[in-house]
PDB file of all heavy atoms in Angstrom:
ATOM      1  N   SER A   1     -13.132  -0.309 -10.820  1.00  0.00           N
ATOM      2  CA  SER A   1     -12.208   0.240 -11.815  1.00  0.00           C
ATOM      3  C   SER A   1     -10.783   0.343 -11.289  1.00  0.00           C
ATOM      4  O   SER A   1      -9.897   0.792 -12.009  1.00  0.00           O
ATOM      5  CB  SER A   1     -12.694   1.630 -12.253  1.00  0.00           C
ATOM      6  OG  SER A   1     -12.710   2.510 -11.145  1.00  0.00           O
ATOM      7  N   HIS A   2     -10.566  -0.077 -10.061  1.00  0.00           N
ATOM      8  CA  HIS A   2      -9.248   0.056  -9.439  1.00  0.00           C
ATOM      9  C   HIS A   2      -8.377  -1.167  -9.736  1.00  0.00           C
ATOM     10  O   HIS A   2      -8.867  -2.291  -9.714  1.00  0.00           O
ATOM     11  CB  HIS A   2      -9.413   0.219  -7.931  1.00  0.00           C
ATOM     12  CG  HIS A   2     -10.519   1.155  -7.565  1.00  0.00           C
ATOM     13  ND1 HIS A   2     -10.459   2.506  -7.815  1.00  0.00           N
ATOM     14  CD2 HIS A   2     -11.729   0.926  -7.002  1.00  0.00           C
ATOM     15  CE1 HIS A   2     -11.582   3.069  -7.399  1.00  0.00           C
ATOM     16  NE2 HIS A   2     -12.364   2.135  -6.915  1.00  0.00           N
ATOM     17  N   PRO A   3      -7.090  -0.947  -9.975  1.00  0.00           N
ATOM     18  CA  PRO A   3      -6.207  -2.093 -10.213  1.00  0.00           C
ATOM     19  C   PRO A   3      -5.955  -2.887  -8.931  1.00  0.00           C
ATOM     20  O   PRO A   3      -5.881  -2.318  -7.842  1.00  0.00           O
ATOM     21  CB  PRO A   3      -4.915  -1.455 -10.731  1.00  0.00           C
ATOM     22  CG  PRO A   3      -4.961  -0.037 -10.297  1.00  0.00           C
ATOM     23  CD  PRO A   3      -6.402   0.335 -10.139  1.00  0.00           C
ATOM     24  N   PHE A   4      -5.819  -4.195  -9.089  1.00  0.00           N
ATOM     25  CA  PHE A   4      -5.463  -5.107  -8.007  1.00  0.00           C
ATOM     26  C   PHE A   4      -4.058  -5.609  -8.322  1.00  0.00           C
ATOM     27  O   PHE A   4      -3.839  -6.196  -9.392  1.00  0.00           O
ATOM     28  CB  PHE A   4      -6.430  -6.288  -7.950  1.00  0.00           C
ATOM     29  CG  PHE A   4      -7.759  -5.979  -7.312  1.00  0.00           C
ATOM     30  CD1 PHE A   4      -8.592  -4.993  -7.819  1.00  0.00           C
ATOM     31  CD2 PHE A   4      -8.175  -6.692  -6.199  1.00  0.00           C
ATOM     32  CE1 PHE A   4      -9.824  -4.721  -7.240  1.00  0.00           C
ATOM     33  CE2 PHE A   4      -9.416  -6.425  -5.605  1.00  0.00           C
ATOM     34  CZ  PHE A   4     -10.235  -5.442  -6.126  1.00  0.00           C
ATOM     35  N   ILE A   5      -3.124  -5.408  -7.405  1.00  0.00           N
ATOM     36  CA  ILE A   5      -1.717  -5.729  -7.658  1.00  0.00           C
ATOM     37  C   ILE A   5      -1.191  -6.652  -6.564  1.00  0.00           C
ATOM     38  O   ILE A   5      -1.377  -6.384  -5.371  1.00  0.00           O
ATOM     39  CB  ILE A   5      -0.878  -4.436  -7.729  1.00  0.00           C
ATOM     40  CG1 ILE A   5      -1.388  -3.568  -8.883  1.00  0.00           C
ATOM     41  CG2 ILE A   5       0.606  -4.742  -7.866  1.00  0.00           C
ATOM     42  CD1 ILE A   5      -0.759  -2.193  -8.952  1.00  0.00           C
ATOM     43  N   HIS A   6      -0.526  -7.709  -6.985  1.00  0.00           N
ATOM     44  CA  HIS A   6       0.111  -8.643  -6.049  1.00  0.00           C
ATOM     45  C   HIS A   6       1.412  -7.994  -5.582  1.00  0.00           C
ATOM     46  O   HIS A   6       2.329  -7.805  -6.383  1.00  0.00           O
ATOM     47  CB  HIS A   6       0.367  -9.975  -6.761  1.00  0.00           C
ATOM     48  CG  HIS A   6       0.864 -11.041  -5.860  1.00  0.00           C
ATOM     49  ND1 HIS A   6       0.144 -11.509  -4.779  1.00  0.00           N
ATOM     50  CD2 HIS A   6       2.017 -11.751  -5.870  1.00  0.00           C
ATOM     51  CE1 HIS A   6       0.825 -12.460  -4.174  1.00  0.00           C
ATOM     52  NE2 HIS A   6       1.965 -12.620  -4.824  1.00  0.00           N
ATOM     53  N   ALA A   7       1.497  -7.639  -4.278  1.00  0.00           N
ATOM     54  CA  ALA A   7       2.644  -6.841  -3.822  1.00  0.00           C
ATOM     55  C   ALA A   7       3.159  -7.222  -2.432  1.00  0.00           C
ATOM     56  O   ALA A   7       3.396  -6.349  -1.599  1.00  0.00           O
ATOM     57  CB  ALA A   7       2.256  -5.369  -3.850  1.00  0.00           C
ATOM     58  N   PRO A   8       3.390  -8.505  -2.163  1.00  0.00           N
ATOM     59  CA  PRO A   8       3.932  -8.859  -0.855  1.00  0.00           C
ATOM     60  C   PRO A   8       5.250  -8.156  -0.509  1.00  0.00           C
ATOM     61  O   PRO A   8       5.409  -7.699   0.629  1.00  0.00           O
ATOM     62  CB  PRO A   8       4.104 -10.376  -0.936  1.00  0.00           C
ATOM     63  CG  PRO A   8       3.073 -10.803  -1.925  1.00  0.00           C
ATOM     64  CD  PRO A   8       3.045  -9.691  -2.949  1.00  0.00           C
ATOM     65  N   PRO A   9       6.201  -7.998  -1.446  1.00  0.00           N
ATOM     66  CA  PRO A   9       7.442  -7.309  -1.077  1.00  0.00           C
ATOM     67  C   PRO A   9       7.209  -5.840  -0.672  1.00  0.00           C
ATOM     68  O   PRO A   9       7.840  -5.352   0.270  1.00  0.00           O
ATOM     69  CB  PRO A   9       8.309  -7.397  -2.340  1.00  0.00           C
ATOM     70  CG  PRO A   9       7.787  -8.606  -3.060  1.00  0.00           C
ATOM     71  CD  PRO A   9       6.307  -8.589  -2.799  1.00  0.00           C
ATOM     72  N   LEU A  10       6.307  -5.155  -1.361  1.00  0.00           N
ATOM     73  CA  LEU A  10       5.992  -3.774  -0.997  1.00  0.00           C
ATOM     74  C   LEU A  10       5.365  -3.736   0.390  1.00  0.00           C
ATOM     75  O   LEU A  10       5.728  -2.903   1.228  1.00  0.00           O
ATOM     76  CB  LEU A  10       5.054  -3.143  -2.030  1.00  0.00           C
ATOM     77  CG  LEU A  10       4.582  -1.726  -1.725  1.00  0.00           C
ATOM     78  CD1 LEU A  10       5.752  -0.753  -1.614  1.00  0.00           C
ATOM     79  CD2 LEU A  10       3.582  -1.268  -2.790  1.00  0.00           C
ATOM     80  N   SER A  11       4.443  -4.633   0.652  1.00  0.00           N
ATOM     81  CA  SER A  11       3.802  -4.703   1.971  1.00  0.00           C
ATOM     82  C   SER A  11       4.829  -4.943   3.066  1.00  0.00           C
ATOM     83  O   SER A  11       4.774  -4.322   4.129  1.00  0.00           O
ATOM     84  CB  SER A  11       2.766  -5.832   1.990  1.00  0.00           C
ATOM     85  OG  SER A  11       1.794  -5.638   1.002  1.00  0.00           O
ATOM     86  N   GLU A  12       5.757  -5.842   2.779  1.00  0.00           N
ATOM     87  CA  GLU A  12       6.805  -6.139   3.761  1.00  0.00           C
ATOM     88  C   GLU A  12       7.705  -4.927   3.986  1.00  0.00           C
ATOM     89  O   GLU A  12       8.050  -4.604   5.123  1.00  0.00           O
ATOM     90  CB  GLU A  12       7.629  -7.335   3.281  1.00  0.00           C
ATOM     91  CG  GLU A  12       8.573  -7.857   4.330  1.00  0.00           C
ATOM     92  CD  GLU A  12       9.272  -9.128   3.888  1.00  0.00           C
ATOM     93  OE1 GLU A  12       8.579 -10.055   3.424  1.00  0.00           O
ATOM     94  OE2 GLU A  12      10.511  -9.171   3.994  1.00  0.00           O
ATOM     95  N   SER A  13       8.053  -4.227   2.921  1.00  0.00           N
ATOM     96  CA  SER A  13       8.937  -3.057   3.070  1.00  0.00           C
ATOM     97  C   SER A  13       8.264  -1.932   3.851  1.00  0.00           C
ATOM     98  O   SER A  13       8.945  -1.115   4.479  1.00  0.00           O
ATOM     99  CB  SER A  13       9.411  -2.558   1.707  1.00  0.00           C
ATOM    100  OG  SER A  13       8.358  -1.924   1.005  1.00  0.00           O
ATOM    101  N   LEU A  14       6.927  -1.899   3.835  1.00  0.00           N
ATOM    102  CA  LEU A  14       6.178  -0.891   4.595  1.00  0.00           C
ATOM    103  C   LEU A  14       5.800  -1.404   5.989  1.00  0.00           C
ATOM    104  O   LEU A  14       5.114  -0.706   6.736  1.00  0.00           O
ATOM    105  CB  LEU A  14       4.911  -0.495   3.828  1.00  0.00           C
ATOM    106  CG  LEU A  14       5.135   0.266   2.531  1.00  0.00           C
ATOM    107  CD1 LEU A  14       3.841   0.373   1.741  1.00  0.00           C
ATOM    108  CD2 LEU A  14       5.708   1.648   2.817  1.00  0.00           C
ATOM    109  N   ASN A  15       6.253  -2.613   6.319  1.00  0.00           N
ATOM    110  CA  ASN A  15       5.977  -3.227   7.620  1.00  0.00           C
ATOM    111  C   ASN A  15       4.481  -3.332   7.917  1.00  0.00           C
ATOM    112  O   ASN A  15       4.047  -3.109   9.045  1.00  0.00           O
ATOM    113  CB  ASN A  15       6.689  -2.478   8.744  1.00  0.00           C
ATOM    114  CG  ASN A  15       8.182  -2.553   8.625  1.00  0.00           C
ATOM    115  OD1 ASN A  15       8.728  -3.622   8.359  1.00  0.00           O
ATOM    116  ND2 ASN A  15       8.845  -1.431   8.795  1.00  0.00           N
ATOM    117  N   ILE A  16       3.708  -3.684   6.905  1.00  0.00           N
ATOM    118  CA  ILE A  16       2.279  -3.830   7.086  1.00  0.00           C
ATOM    119  C   ILE A  16       2.009  -5.190   7.730  1.00  0.00           C
ATOM    120  O   ILE A  16       2.375  -6.223   7.183  1.00  0.00           O
ATOM    121  CB  ILE A  16       1.537  -3.688   5.747  1.00  0.00           C
ATOM    122  CG1 ILE A  16       1.687  -2.265   5.239  1.00  0.00           C
ATOM    123  CG2 ILE A  16       0.065  -4.063   5.896  1.00  0.00           C
ATOM    124  CD1 ILE A  16       1.159  -2.013   3.865  1.00  0.00           C
ATOM    125  N   THR A  17       1.391  -5.144   8.883  1.00  0.00           N
ATOM    126  CA  THR A  17       1.061  -6.386   9.579  1.00  0.00           C
ATOM    127  C   THR A  17      -0.443  -6.586   9.626  1.00  0.00           C
ATOM    128  O   THR A  17      -0.930  -7.674   9.364  1.00  0.00           O
ATOM    129  CB  THR A  17       1.647  -6.400  11.006  1.00  0.00           C
ATOM    130  OG1 THR A  17       1.204  -5.240  11.698  1.00  0.00           O
ATOM    131  CG2 THR A  17       3.167  -6.422  10.966  1.00  0.00           C
ATOM    132  N   GLY A  18      -1.202  -5.569   9.972  1.00  0.00           N
ATOM    133  CA  GLY A  18      -2.648  -5.681  10.049  1.00  0.00           C
ATOM    134  C   GLY A  18      -3.312  -5.289   8.748  1.00  0.00           C
ATOM    135  O   GLY A  18      -2.801  -4.449   8.016  1.00  0.00           O
ATOM    136  N   ILE A  19      -4.447  -5.922   8.478  1.00  0.00           N
ATOM    137  CA  ILE A  19      -5.210  -5.554   7.287  1.00  0.00           C
ATOM    138  C   ILE A  19      -6.661  -5.356   7.684  1.00  0.00           C
ATOM    139  O   ILE A  19      -7.133  -5.980   8.636  1.00  0.00           O
ATOM    140  CB  ILE A  19      -5.071  -6.599   6.155  1.00  0.00           C
ATOM    141  CG1 ILE A  19      -5.421  -7.996   6.642  1.00  0.00           C
ATOM    142  CG2 ILE A  19      -3.713  -6.523   5.524  1.00  0.00           C
ATOM    143  CD1 ILE A  19      -5.443  -9.049   5.555  1.00  0.00           C
ATOM    144  N   PRO A  20      -7.324  -4.482   6.977  1.00  0.00           N
ATOM    145  CA  PRO A  20      -6.811  -3.649   5.900  1.00  0.00           C
ATOM    146  C   PRO A  20      -5.978  -2.485   6.436  1.00  0.00           C
ATOM    147  O   PRO A  20      -6.182  -2.023   7.550  1.00  0.00           O
ATOM    148  CB  PRO A  20      -8.076  -3.133   5.216  1.00  0.00           C
ATOM    149  CG  PRO A  20      -9.097  -3.089   6.301  1.00  0.00           C
ATOM    150  CD  PRO A  20      -8.762  -4.250   7.212  1.00  0.00           C
ATOM    151  N   THR A  21      -5.063  -2.019   5.602  1.00  0.00           N
ATOM    152  CA  THR A  21      -4.258  -0.823   5.881  1.00  0.00           C
ATOM    153  C   THR A  21      -4.372   0.082   4.675  1.00  0.00           C
ATOM    154  O   THR A  21      -4.303  -0.373   3.534  1.00  0.00           O
ATOM    155  CB  THR A  21      -2.777  -1.187   6.138  1.00  0.00           C
ATOM    156  OG1 THR A  21      -2.712  -1.946   7.352  1.00  0.00           O
ATOM    157  CG2 THR A  21      -1.914   0.051   6.264  1.00  0.00           C
ATOM    158  N   MET A  22      -4.545   1.373   4.937  1.00  0.00           N
ATOM    159  CA  MET A  22      -4.683   2.365   3.869  1.00  0.00           C
ATOM    160  C   MET A  22      -3.659   3.473   4.050  1.00  0.00           C
ATOM    161  O   MET A  22      -3.419   3.909   5.175  1.00  0.00           O
ATOM    162  CB  MET A  22      -6.088   2.984   3.899  1.00  0.00           C
ATOM    163  CG  MET A  22      -7.174   2.019   3.500  1.00  0.00           C
ATOM    164  SD  MET A  22      -8.748   2.441   4.255  1.00  0.00           S
ATOM    165  CE  MET A  22      -8.579   1.662   5.848  1.00  0.00           C
ATOM    166  N   TYR A  23      -3.079   3.897   2.942  1.00  0.00           N
ATOM    167  CA  TYR A  23      -2.195   5.056   2.911  1.00  0.00           C
ATOM    168  C   TYR A  23      -2.831   6.100   2.010  1.00  0.00           C
ATOM    169  O   TYR A  23      -3.157   5.815   0.858  1.00  0.00           O
ATOM    170  CB  TYR A  23      -0.811   4.691   2.361  1.00  0.00           C
ATOM    171  CG  TYR A  23       0.013   3.859   3.302  1.00  0.00           C
ATOM    172  CD1 TYR A  23       0.059   2.476   3.189  1.00  0.00           C
ATOM    173  CD2 TYR A  23       0.758   4.472   4.309  1.00  0.00           C
ATOM    174  CE1 TYR A  23       0.814   1.717   4.053  1.00  0.00           C
ATOM    175  CE2 TYR A  23       1.517   3.709   5.183  1.00  0.00           C
ATOM    176  CZ  TYR A  23       1.548   2.337   5.052  1.00  0.00           C
ATOM    177  OH  TYR A  23       2.297   1.576   5.910  1.00  0.00           O
ATOM    178  N   PHE A  24      -3.008   7.288   2.544  1.00  0.00           N
ATOM    179  CA  PHE A  24      -3.537   8.404   1.768  1.00  0.00           C
ATOM    180  C   PHE A  24      -2.336   9.218   1.308  1.00  0.00           C
ATOM    181  O   PHE A  24      -1.621   9.806   2.125  1.00  0.00           O
ATOM    182  CB  PHE A  24      -4.492   9.244   2.624  1.00  0.00           C
ATOM    183  CG  PHE A  24      -5.764   8.516   2.936  1.00  0.00           C
ATOM    184  CD1 PHE A  24      -5.805   7.535   3.920  1.00  0.00           C
ATOM    185  CD2 PHE A  24      -6.913   8.801   2.224  1.00  0.00           C
ATOM    186  CE1 PHE A  24      -6.985   6.852   4.196  1.00  0.00           C
ATOM    187  CE2 PHE A  24      -8.103   8.126   2.489  1.00  0.00           C
ATOM    188  CZ  PHE A  24      -8.127   7.152   3.481  1.00  0.00           C
ATOM    189  N   VAL A  25      -2.112   9.219   0.000  1.00  0.00           N
ATOM    190  CA  VAL A  25      -0.907   9.798  -0.591  1.00  0.00           C
ATOM    191  C   VAL A  25      -1.274  11.057  -1.368  1.00  0.00           C
ATOM    192  O   VAL A  25      -2.194  11.040  -2.191  1.00  0.00           O
ATOM    193  CB  VAL A  25      -0.224   8.765  -1.526  1.00  0.00           C
ATOM    194  CG1 VAL A  25       1.047   9.323  -2.114  1.00  0.00           C
ATOM    195  CG2 VAL A  25       0.036   7.455  -0.785  1.00  0.00           C
ATOM    196  N   SER A  26      -0.533  12.144  -1.117  1.00  0.00           N
ATOM    197  CA  SER A  26      -0.799  13.411  -1.806  1.00  0.00           C
ATOM    198  C   SER A  26      -0.331  13.343  -3.255  1.00  0.00           C
ATOM    199  O   SER A  26       0.380  12.415  -3.649  1.00  0.00           O
ATOM    200  CB  SER A  26      -0.094  14.559  -1.094  1.00  0.00           C
ATOM    201  OG  SER A  26       1.312  14.465  -1.290  1.00  0.00           O
ATOM    202  N   SER A  27      -0.706  14.337  -4.027  1.00  0.00           N
ATOM    203  CA  SER A  27      -0.269  14.397  -5.427  1.00  0.00           C
ATOM    204  C   SER A  27       1.247  14.566  -5.534  1.00  0.00           C
ATOM    205  O   SER A  27       1.830  14.307  -6.576  1.00  0.00           O
ATOM    206  CB  SER A  27      -0.984  15.529  -6.162  1.00  0.00           C
ATOM    207  OG  SER A  27      -0.712  16.766  -5.530  1.00  0.00           O
ATOM    208  N   ASP A  28       1.892  14.965  -4.437  1.00  0.00           N
ATOM    209  CA  ASP A  28       3.359  15.073  -4.389  1.00  0.00           C
ATOM    210  C   ASP A  28       4.027  13.749  -4.060  1.00  0.00           C
ATOM    211  O   ASP A  28       5.247  13.664  -4.002  1.00  0.00           O
ATOM    212  CB  ASP A  28       3.794  16.098  -3.332  1.00  0.00           C
ATOM    213  CG  ASP A  28       3.269  17.481  -3.597  1.00  0.00           C
ATOM    214  OD1 ASP A  28       2.886  17.782  -4.744  1.00  0.00           O
ATOM    215  OD2 ASP A  28       3.244  18.287  -2.643  1.00  0.00           O
ATOM    216  N   GLY A  29       3.207  12.718  -3.804  1.00  0.00           N
ATOM    217  CA  GLY A  29       3.757  11.416  -3.469  1.00  0.00           C
ATOM    218  C   GLY A  29       4.081  11.237  -1.998  1.00  0.00           C
ATOM    219  O   GLY A  29       4.718  10.265  -1.620  1.00  0.00           O
ATOM    220  N   MET A  30       3.621  12.158  -1.167  1.00  0.00           N
ATOM    221  CA  MET A  30       3.883  12.078   0.266  1.00  0.00           C
ATOM    222  C   MET A  30       2.717  11.374   0.971  1.00  0.00           C
ATOM    223  O   MET A  30       1.549  11.659   0.680  1.00  0.00           O
ATOM    224  CB  MET A  30       4.046  13.483   0.860  1.00  0.00           C
ATOM    225  CG  MET A  30       5.179  14.279   0.233  1.00  0.00           C
ATOM    226  SD  MET A  30       6.809  13.522   0.426  1.00  0.00           S
ATOM    227  CE  MET A  30       7.007  13.579   2.176  1.00  0.00           C
TER     228      MET A  30
END
């Protein structure tokens, strides 16, 4: 049920090099 989004620019801006990478984000967006 989760969306799949093509996001190379976002990945690059977060300097993601290794995969998989996960970010746990609070309800405040942090």
